[in-house]
Amino acid sequence: MINNQHNKEITLGLIAARKNSVGVKNKNLIKIKNQEITKIAIKLALNCSAIDYVILSTDSNKILNLIKKNKKLIKLKRAKKLTKNNTPMLPVIKNAITYFEKKKNKKVSKLVIFDPTSPLRKKSDVEMAIKKFKKNKPDLLLSVNDSGHNPYFSMLEKNGKYYRLSKDPKNNPGARQLVPKVYEVNTIVWIYSRKAIFYEKRRIPKKTLIFKTPVNRSIDIDTKNDINKIYFYLKKIKKYEKYEK
């Protein structure tokens, strides 16, 4: 039986980083400022006081060895069946929690995902998101940014021979300002409740809230162009800091 000392709610941080990737080769080992993006995510998670433990789930020995031993860090060599290109995130999350609870005999109440592909994440992003999660108690709190496109106005999908708006508005809007506001999901921070993971069994459960992040830092590495965007942002910040001095 799992026993949480003094009924303490455990907040578990998860870094999921498999060795093979689609789009960008060895994506999780890309270096930003001479440091692997997975290592950046692990170090940030370990430095968050609101995170009780951090679990690194990977099938790569190289990734497992990026960080030396840390009393707050648990390393999990992921099974092959959970490393396929089409493997959903939910089974990976469940596997990580089950492994942690068996190893530490502590029950996880919520899980925070630190996706390595968002290297511009700040510790303050995570801390503020956790505060909002604790206050509002959703099943999922996920980071979003303003979207450049809107399915009610500027996104099409095929409908037989022709095309139509991806989401059909009730009226026939002639301006973007007349359609519902939508947001683009990013991977800066996702926080799931235990209930959502083991009982809702949905990537986006019904009780979902958002945490807005600035567009210029909300870059997920999926293509080589995304890497260029990150370096462009860092170069601009460096110039600004130099100017401020």
C-alpha atoms as a PDB file:
ATOM      1  CA  MET A   1       0.000   0.000   0.000  1.00  0.00           C
ATOM      2  CA  ILE A   2       1.293   3.442  -0.931  1.00  0.00           C
ATOM      3  CA  ASN A   3       1.814   5.653   2.093  1.00  0.00           C
ATOM      4  CA  ASN A   4       2.243   9.416   1.777  1.00  0.00           C
ATOM      5  CA  GLN A   5       3.890  10.657   4.940  1.00  0.00           C
ATOM      6  CA  HIS A   6       1.677  13.297   6.602  1.00  0.00           C
ATOM      7  CA  ASN A   7      -0.655  12.990   3.566  1.00  0.00           C
ATOM      8  CA  LYS A   8       1.736  15.113   1.519  1.00  0.00           C
ATOM      9  CA  GLU A   9       0.616  15.589  -2.071  1.00  0.00           C
ATOM     10  CA  ILE A  10       3.470  14.619  -4.377  1.00  0.00           C
ATOM     11  CA  THR A  11       4.066  16.746  -7.449  1.00  0.00           C
ATOM     12  CA  LEU A  12       6.069  14.761  -9.976  1.00  0.00           C
ATOM     13  CA  GLY A  13       7.963  16.350 -12.856  1.00  0.00           C
ATOM     14  CA  LEU A  14       8.326  14.281 -16.023  1.00  0.00           C
ATOM     15  CA  ILE A  15      10.920  14.598 -18.761  1.00  0.00           C
ATOM     16  CA  ALA A  16      10.043  12.194 -21.577  1.00  0.00           C
ATOM     17  CA  ALA A  17      12.796  12.020 -24.198  1.00  0.00           C
ATOM     18  CA  ARG A  18      13.203   9.039 -26.511  1.00  0.00           C
ATOM     19  CA  LYS A  19      16.266   8.634 -28.724  1.00  0.00           C
ATOM     20  CA  ASN A  20      14.604   8.438 -32.133  1.00  0.00           C
ATOM     21  CA  SER A  21      12.606  11.358 -33.460  1.00  0.00           C
ATOM     22  CA  VAL A  22      10.676  12.293 -36.576  1.00  0.00           C
ATOM     23  CA  GLY A  23      11.518  15.503 -38.423  1.00  0.00           C
ATOM     24  CA  VAL A  24      14.746  16.452 -36.647  1.00  0.00           C
ATOM     25  CA  LYS A  25      17.317  13.710 -36.080  1.00  0.00           C
ATOM     26  CA  ASN A  26      18.255  13.142 -32.410  1.00  0.00           C
ATOM     27  CA  LYS A  27      16.010  16.073 -31.513  1.00  0.00           C
ATOM     28  CA  ASN A  28      16.259  15.568 -27.760  1.00  0.00           C
ATOM     29  CA  LEU A  29      20.056  15.866 -27.871  1.00  0.00           C
ATOM     30  CA  ILE A  30      20.147  19.156 -29.795  1.00  0.00           C
ATOM     31  CA  LYS A  31      22.299  21.729 -28.030  1.00  0.00           C
ATOM     32  CA  ILE A  32      21.174  25.258 -27.234  1.00  0.00           C
ATOM     33  CA  LYS A  33      23.914  27.416 -25.712  1.00  0.00           C
ATOM     34  CA  ASN A  34      26.209  24.357 -25.607  1.00  0.00           C
ATOM     35  CA  GLN A  35      23.730  22.320 -23.557  1.00  0.00           C
ATOM     36  CA  GLU A  36      21.420  19.509 -24.647  1.00  0.00           C
ATOM     37  CA  ILE A  37      17.764  20.558 -24.580  1.00  0.00           C
ATOM     38  CA  THR A  38      16.887  17.517 -22.458  1.00  0.00           C
ATOM     39  CA  LYS A  39      19.537  18.515 -19.922  1.00  0.00           C
ATOM     40  CA  ILE A  40      18.109  22.051 -19.876  1.00  0.00           C
ATOM     41  CA  ALA A  41      14.662  20.637 -19.054  1.00  0.00           C
ATOM     42  CA  ILE A  42      15.984  18.297 -16.333  1.00  0.00           C
ATOM     43  CA  LYS A  43      17.993  21.032 -14.592  1.00  0.00           C
ATOM     44  CA  LEU A  44      15.067  23.442 -14.640  1.00  0.00           C
ATOM     45  CA  ALA A  45      12.724  20.793 -13.206  1.00  0.00           C
ATOM     46  CA  LEU A  46      15.207  19.930 -10.445  1.00  0.00           C
ATOM     47  CA  ASN A  47      15.482  23.631  -9.546  1.00  0.00           C
ATOM     48  CA  CYS A  48      11.708  24.095  -9.155  1.00  0.00           C
ATOM     49  CA  SER A  49      10.886  24.053  -5.447  1.00  0.00           C
ATOM     50  CA  ALA A  50       7.256  23.123  -6.210  1.00  0.00           C
ATOM     51  CA  ILE A  51       8.427  19.861  -7.826  1.00  0.00           C
ATOM     52  CA  ASP A  52       9.029  17.115  -5.267  1.00  0.00           C
ATOM     53  CA  TYR A  53      10.644  14.592  -7.600  1.00  0.00           C
ATOM     54  CA  VAL A  54      11.660  14.451 -11.258  1.00  0.00           C
ATOM     55  CA  ILE A  55      11.507  11.329 -13.409  1.00  0.00           C
ATOM     56  CA  LEU A  56      13.439  10.980 -16.655  1.00  0.00           C
ATOM     57  CA  SER A  57      11.827   8.489 -19.040  1.00  0.00           C
ATOM     58  CA  THR A  58      13.905   7.471 -22.038  1.00  0.00           C
ATOM     59  CA  ASP A  59      15.198   4.536 -24.065  1.00  0.00           C
ATOM     60  CA  SER A  60      18.561   6.249 -24.576  1.00  0.00           C
ATOM     61  CA  ASN A  61      21.563   5.507 -22.370  1.00  0.00           C
ATOM     62  CA  LYS A  62      23.160   8.740 -23.541  1.00  0.00           C
ATOM     63  CA  ILE A  63      20.160  10.743 -22.319  1.00  0.00           C
ATOM     64  CA  LEU A  64      20.061   8.798 -19.044  1.00  0.00           C
ATOM     65  CA  ASN A  65      23.671   9.831 -18.407  1.00  0.00           C
ATOM     66  CA  LEU A  66      23.209  13.554 -19.136  1.00  0.00           C
ATOM     67  CA  ILE A  67      22.755  14.292 -15.431  1.00  0.00           C
ATOM     68  CA  LYS A  68      24.670  12.764 -12.545  1.00  0.00           C
ATOM     69  CA  LYS A  69      22.915  11.285  -9.537  1.00  0.00           C
ATOM     70  CA  ASN A  70      20.530  13.606  -7.730  1.00  0.00           C
ATOM     71  CA  LYS A  71      18.327  12.643  -4.757  1.00  0.00           C
ATOM     72  CA  LYS A  72      15.396  14.339  -6.477  1.00  0.00           C
ATOM     73  CA  LEU A  73      15.898  12.555  -9.827  1.00  0.00           C
ATOM     74  CA  ILE A  74      14.650   9.093 -10.792  1.00  0.00           C
ATOM     75  CA  LYS A  75      15.836   7.538 -14.062  1.00  0.00           C
ATOM     76  CA  LEU A  76      13.570   5.162 -15.974  1.00  0.00           C
ATOM     77  CA  LYS A  77      14.765   3.104 -18.959  1.00  0.00           C
ATOM     78  CA  ARG A  78      11.616   3.033 -21.051  1.00  0.00           C
ATOM     79  CA  ALA A  79      10.383  -0.202 -22.636  1.00  0.00           C
ATOM     80  CA  LYS A  80      10.533  -0.484 -26.438  1.00  0.00           C
ATOM     81  CA  LYS A  81       6.745  -0.703 -26.746  1.00  0.00           C
ATOM     82  CA  LEU A  82       6.559   2.864 -25.394  1.00  0.00           C
ATOM     83  CA  THR A  83       9.113   4.342 -27.809  1.00  0.00           C
ATOM     84  CA  LYS A  84       7.344   4.050 -31.153  1.00  0.00           C
ATOM     85  CA  ASN A  85       6.650   7.071 -33.361  1.00  0.00           C
ATOM     86  CA  ASN A  86       2.918   6.716 -32.804  1.00  0.00           C
ATOM     87  CA  THR A  87       3.029   6.004 -29.059  1.00  0.00           C
ATOM     88  CA  PRO A  88       0.617   8.384 -27.262  1.00  0.00           C
ATOM     89  CA  MET A  89       1.896  10.391 -24.296  1.00  0.00           C
ATOM     90  CA  LEU A  90      -0.672   9.043 -21.816  1.00  0.00           C
ATOM     91  CA  PRO A  91       0.789   5.483 -21.544  1.00  0.00           C
ATOM     92  CA  VAL A  92       4.245   7.029 -21.054  1.00  0.00           C
ATOM     93  CA  ILE A  93       2.870   9.174 -18.223  1.00  0.00           C
ATOM     94  CA  LYS A  94       1.136   6.212 -16.561  1.00  0.00           C
ATOM     95  CA  ASN A  95       4.302   4.132 -16.839  1.00  0.00           C
ATOM     96  CA  ALA A  96       6.364   6.883 -15.193  1.00  0.00           C
ATOM     97  CA  ILE A  97       3.933   7.341 -12.293  1.00  0.00           C
ATOM     98  CA  THR A  98       3.591   3.594 -11.689  1.00  0.00           C
ATOM     99  CA  TYR A  99       7.383   3.179 -11.666  1.00  0.00           C
ATOM    100  CA  PHE A 100       7.860   6.133  -9.310  1.00  0.00           C
ATOM    101  CA  GLU A 101       5.185   5.031  -6.847  1.00  0.00           C
ATOM    102  CA  LYS A 102       6.530   1.493  -6.695  1.00  0.00           C
ATOM    103  CA  LYS A 103      10.077   2.761  -6.163  1.00  0.00           C
ATOM    104  CA  LYS A 104       9.339   5.518  -3.633  1.00  0.00           C
ATOM    105  CA  ASN A 105       6.138   4.218  -1.997  1.00  0.00           C
ATOM    106  CA  LYS A 106       4.575   7.675  -2.428  1.00  0.00           C
ATOM    107  CA  LYS A 107       1.378   8.640  -4.215  1.00  0.00           C
ATOM    108  CA  VAL A 108       1.473  11.239  -7.011  1.00  0.00           C
ATOM    109  CA  SER A 109      -1.347  13.803  -6.959  1.00  0.00           C
ATOM    110  CA  LYS A 110      -0.321  15.760 -10.048  1.00  0.00           C
ATOM    111  CA  LEU A 111       2.246  15.505 -12.823  1.00  0.00           C
ATOM    112  CA  VAL A 112       4.076  18.359 -14.551  1.00  0.00           C
ATOM    113  CA  ILE A 113       5.487  17.707 -18.028  1.00  0.00           C
ATOM    114  CA  PHE A 114       8.780  19.388 -18.918  1.00  0.00           C
ATOM    115  CA  ASP A 115       8.962  18.746 -22.661  1.00  0.00           C
ATOM    116  CA  PRO A 116      12.595  19.130 -23.808  1.00  0.00           C
ATOM    117  CA  THR A 117      11.436  20.698 -27.092  1.00  0.00           C
ATOM    118  CA  SER A 118      10.596  23.979 -25.292  1.00  0.00           C
ATOM    119  CA  PRO A 119      14.080  25.169 -24.258  1.00  0.00           C
ATOM    120  CA  LEU A 120      12.902  28.790 -23.769  1.00  0.00           C
ATOM    121  CA  ARG A 121      10.781  27.743 -20.793  1.00  0.00           C
ATOM    122  CA  LYS A 122      11.412  29.715 -17.589  1.00  0.00           C
ATOM    123  CA  LYS A 123      11.158  28.485 -14.019  1.00  0.00           C
ATOM    124  CA  SER A 124       8.638  31.252 -13.365  1.00  0.00           C
ATOM    125  CA  ASP A 125       6.375  29.789 -16.097  1.00  0.00           C
ATOM    126  CA  VAL A 126       6.182  26.501 -14.237  1.00  0.00           C
ATOM    127  CA  GLU A 127       5.824  28.025 -10.777  1.00  0.00           C
ATOM    128  CA  MET A 128       2.981  30.332 -11.840  1.00  0.00           C
ATOM    129  CA  ALA A 129       1.245  27.498 -13.688  1.00  0.00           C
ATOM    130  CA  ILE A 130       1.414  25.259 -10.607  1.00  0.00           C
ATOM    131  CA  LYS A 131      -0.063  28.038  -8.451  1.00  0.00           C
ATOM    132  CA  LYS A 132      -2.949  28.438 -10.893  1.00  0.00           C
ATOM    133  CA  PHE A 133      -3.469  24.672 -10.944  1.00  0.00           C
ATOM    134  CA  LYS A 134      -3.596  24.460  -7.133  1.00  0.00           C
ATOM    135  CA  LYS A 135      -6.034  27.380  -6.914  1.00  0.00           C
ATOM    136  CA  ASN A 136      -8.469  26.245  -9.621  1.00  0.00           C
ATOM    137  CA  LYS A 137      -8.059  22.448  -9.410  1.00  0.00           C
ATOM    138  CA  PRO A 138      -8.608  21.519 -13.090  1.00  0.00           C
ATOM    139  CA  ASP A 139      -7.792  18.098 -14.504  1.00  0.00           C
ATOM    140  CA  LEU A 140      -5.378  19.694 -16.955  1.00  0.00           C
ATOM    141  CA  LEU A 141      -3.677  23.074 -17.126  1.00  0.00           C
ATOM    142  CA  LEU A 142      -1.760  23.544 -20.363  1.00  0.00           C
ATOM    143  CA  SER A 143       0.268  26.381 -21.846  1.00  0.00           C
ATOM    144  CA  VAL A 144      -0.975  28.236 -24.912  1.00  0.00           C
ATOM    145  CA  ASN A 145      -0.092  31.308 -26.921  1.00  0.00           C
ATOM    146  CA  ASP A 146      -2.000  33.582 -29.275  1.00  0.00           C
ATOM    147  CA  SER A 147      -2.600  31.862 -32.590  1.00  0.00           C
ATOM    148  CA  GLY A 148      -1.764  33.351 -35.959  1.00  0.00           C
ATOM    149  CA  HIS A 149      -4.594  31.412 -37.609  1.00  0.00           C
ATOM    150  CA  ASN A 150      -8.189  30.688 -36.680  1.00  0.00           C
ATOM    151  CA  PRO A 151     -10.194  27.594 -37.763  1.00  0.00           C
ATOM    152  CA  TYR A 152     -13.344  29.756 -37.865  1.00  0.00           C
ATOM    153  CA  PHE A 153     -11.742  32.175 -40.331  1.00  0.00           C
ATOM    154  CA  SER A 154      -8.429  31.222 -41.935  1.00  0.00           C
ATOM    155  CA  MET A 155      -8.015  27.409 -41.870  1.00  0.00           C
ATOM    156  CA  LEU A 156      -9.520  25.045 -44.430  1.00  0.00           C
ATOM    157  CA  GLU A 157     -10.071  21.287 -44.631  1.00  0.00           C
ATOM    158  CA  LYS A 158     -11.132  19.111 -47.541  1.00  0.00           C
ATOM    159  CA  ASN A 159     -14.836  18.326 -47.846  1.00  0.00           C
ATOM    160  CA  GLY A 160     -15.328  15.986 -50.780  1.00  0.00           C
ATOM    161  CA  LYS A 161     -14.234  17.734 -53.973  1.00  0.00           C
ATOM    162  CA  TYR A 162     -14.042  21.187 -52.367  1.00  0.00           C
ATOM    163  CA  TYR A 163     -12.772  22.839 -49.204  1.00  0.00           C
ATOM    164  CA  ARG A 164     -14.485  24.479 -46.267  1.00  0.00           C
ATOM    165  CA  LEU A 165     -13.541  26.241 -43.030  1.00  0.00           C
ATOM    166  CA  SER A 166     -12.216  23.768 -40.464  1.00  0.00           C
ATOM    167  CA  LYS A 167     -14.760  24.992 -37.929  1.00  0.00           C
ATOM    168  CA  ASP A 168     -17.986  26.316 -39.396  1.00  0.00           C
ATOM    169  CA  PRO A 169     -19.129  29.532 -37.669  1.00  0.00           C
ATOM    170  CA  LYS A 170     -22.807  30.114 -36.968  1.00  0.00           C
ATOM    171  CA  ASN A 171     -22.809  33.298 -39.029  1.00  0.00           C
ATOM    172  CA  ASN A 172     -20.717  34.256 -42.046  1.00  0.00           C
ATOM    173  CA  PRO A 173     -18.001  36.454 -40.506  1.00  0.00           C
ATOM    174  CA  GLY A 174     -16.207  38.876 -42.776  1.00  0.00           C
ATOM    175  CA  ALA A 175     -13.512  39.828 -40.252  1.00  0.00           C
ATOM    176  CA  ARG A 176     -11.316  37.929 -37.822  1.00  0.00           C
ATOM    177  CA  GLN A 177     -12.582  40.081 -34.956  1.00  0.00           C
ATOM    178  CA  LEU A 178     -16.071  38.553 -35.365  1.00  0.00           C
ATOM    179  CA  VAL A 179     -15.056  34.932 -34.709  1.00  0.00           C
ATOM    180  CA  PRO A 180     -14.330  33.196 -31.356  1.00  0.00           C
ATOM    181  CA  LYS A 181     -10.853  33.632 -29.883  1.00  0.00           C
ATOM    182  CA  VAL A 182      -8.664  30.550 -30.236  1.00  0.00           C
ATOM    183  CA  TYR A 183      -5.236  29.655 -28.872  1.00  0.00           C
ATOM    184  CA  GLU A 184      -2.314  27.585 -30.083  1.00  0.00           C
ATOM    185  CA  VAL A 185      -1.182  24.850 -27.708  1.00  0.00           C
ATOM    186  CA  ASN A 186       2.543  24.729 -26.881  1.00  0.00           C
ATOM    187  CA  THR A 187       4.704  22.518 -24.646  1.00  0.00           C
ATOM    188  CA  ILE A 188       6.100  24.975 -22.098  1.00  0.00           C
ATOM    189  CA  VAL A 189       4.090  23.431 -19.276  1.00  0.00           C
ATOM    190  CA  TRP A 190       1.332  20.807 -18.976  1.00  0.00           C
ATOM    191  CA  ILE A 191      -0.034  19.815 -15.564  1.00  0.00           C
ATOM    192  CA  TYR A 192      -2.300  16.786 -15.176  1.00  0.00           C
ATOM    193  CA  SER A 193      -4.283  15.683 -12.131  1.00  0.00           C
ATOM    194  CA  ARG A 194      -4.061  12.041 -11.088  1.00  0.00           C
ATOM    195  CA  LYS A 195      -7.740  11.683 -11.949  1.00  0.00           C
ATOM    196  CA  ALA A 196      -7.176  12.849 -15.525  1.00  0.00           C
ATOM    197  CA  ILE A 197      -4.346  10.379 -16.067  1.00  0.00           C
ATOM    198  CA  PHE A 198      -5.938   7.244 -14.621  1.00  0.00           C
ATOM    199  CA  TYR A 199      -9.665   7.847 -15.066  1.00  0.00           C
ATOM    200  CA  GLU A 200     -10.357  10.491 -17.736  1.00  0.00           C
ATOM    201  CA  LYS A 201      -8.006   8.774 -20.202  1.00  0.00           C
ATOM    202  CA  ARG A 202      -8.160  11.747 -22.571  1.00  0.00           C
ATOM    203  CA  ARG A 203      -5.322  13.955 -23.777  1.00  0.00           C
ATOM    204  CA  ILE A 204      -7.521  17.023 -23.254  1.00  0.00           C
ATOM    205  CA  PRO A 205     -10.061  16.276 -20.466  1.00  0.00           C
ATOM    206  CA  LYS A 206     -13.265  18.252 -19.933  1.00  0.00           C
ATOM    207  CA  LYS A 207     -11.913  20.264 -16.985  1.00  0.00           C
ATOM    208  CA  THR A 208      -9.056  21.954 -18.853  1.00  0.00           C
ATOM    209  CA  LEU A 209      -7.700  25.454 -18.192  1.00  0.00           C
ATOM    210  CA  ILE A 210      -5.046  27.425 -20.053  1.00  0.00           C
ATOM    211  CA  PHE A 211      -1.873  29.235 -19.035  1.00  0.00           C
ATOM    212  CA  LYS A 212      -0.844  31.916 -21.523  1.00  0.00           C
ATOM    213  CA  THR A 213       2.808  32.294 -22.525  1.00  0.00           C
ATOM    214  CA  PRO A 214       4.398  34.883 -24.841  1.00  0.00           C
ATOM    215  CA  VAL A 215       4.563  33.927 -28.507  1.00  0.00           C
ATOM    216  CA  ASN A 216       8.290  34.656 -28.823  1.00  0.00           C
ATOM    217  CA  ARG A 217       9.147  32.015 -26.191  1.00  0.00           C
ATOM    218  CA  SER A 218       6.465  29.500 -27.188  1.00  0.00           C
ATOM    219  CA  ILE A 219       8.594  27.679 -29.749  1.00  0.00           C
ATOM    220  CA  ASP A 220       8.434  23.872 -29.885  1.00  0.00           C
ATOM    221  CA  ILE A 221      11.271  22.212 -31.775  1.00  0.00           C
ATOM    222  CA  ASP A 222       9.679  20.104 -34.517  1.00  0.00           C
ATOM    223  CA  THR A 223      11.673  21.322 -37.532  1.00  0.00           C
ATOM    224  CA  LYS A 224      15.079  22.825 -38.259  1.00  0.00           C
ATOM    225  CA  ASN A 225      13.334  26.146 -38.801  1.00  0.00           C
ATOM    226  CA  ASP A 226      12.167  26.069 -35.175  1.00  0.00           C
ATOM    227  CA  ILE A 227      15.806  25.830 -34.081  1.00  0.00           C
ATOM    228  CA  ASN A 228      16.606  28.891 -36.198  1.00  0.00           C
ATOM    229  CA  LYS A 229      13.729  30.770 -34.531  1.00  0.00           C
ATOM    230  CA  ILE A 230      15.139  29.965 -31.083  1.00  0.00           C
ATOM    231  CA  TYR A 231      18.609  31.195 -32.001  1.00  0.00           C
ATOM    232  CA  PHE A 232      17.101  34.333 -33.512  1.00  0.00           C
ATOM    233  CA  TYR A 233      15.216  34.995 -30.259  1.00  0.00           C
ATOM    234  CA  LEU A 234      18.327  34.383 -28.121  1.00  0.00           C
ATOM    235  CA  LYS A 235      20.372  36.682 -30.354  1.00  0.00           C
ATOM    236  CA  LYS A 236      17.794  39.460 -29.940  1.00  0.00           C
ATOM    237  CA  ILE A 237      17.768  39.008 -26.152  1.00  0.00           C
ATOM    238  CA  LYS A 238      21.564  39.150 -26.039  1.00  0.00           C
ATOM    239  CA  LYS A 239      21.600  42.386 -28.036  1.00  0.00           C
ATOM    240  CA  TYR A 240      18.929  43.894 -25.775  1.00  0.00           C
ATOM    241  CA  GLU A 241      20.840  42.934 -22.611  1.00  0.00           C
ATOM    242  CA  LYS A 242      24.018  44.431 -24.057  1.00  0.00           C
ATOM    243  CA  TYR A 243      22.156  47.644 -24.899  1.00  0.00           C
ATOM    244  CA  GLU A 244      20.655  47.847 -21.394  1.00  0.00           C
ATOM    245  CA  LYS A 245      24.118  47.653 -19.833  1.00  0.00           C
END
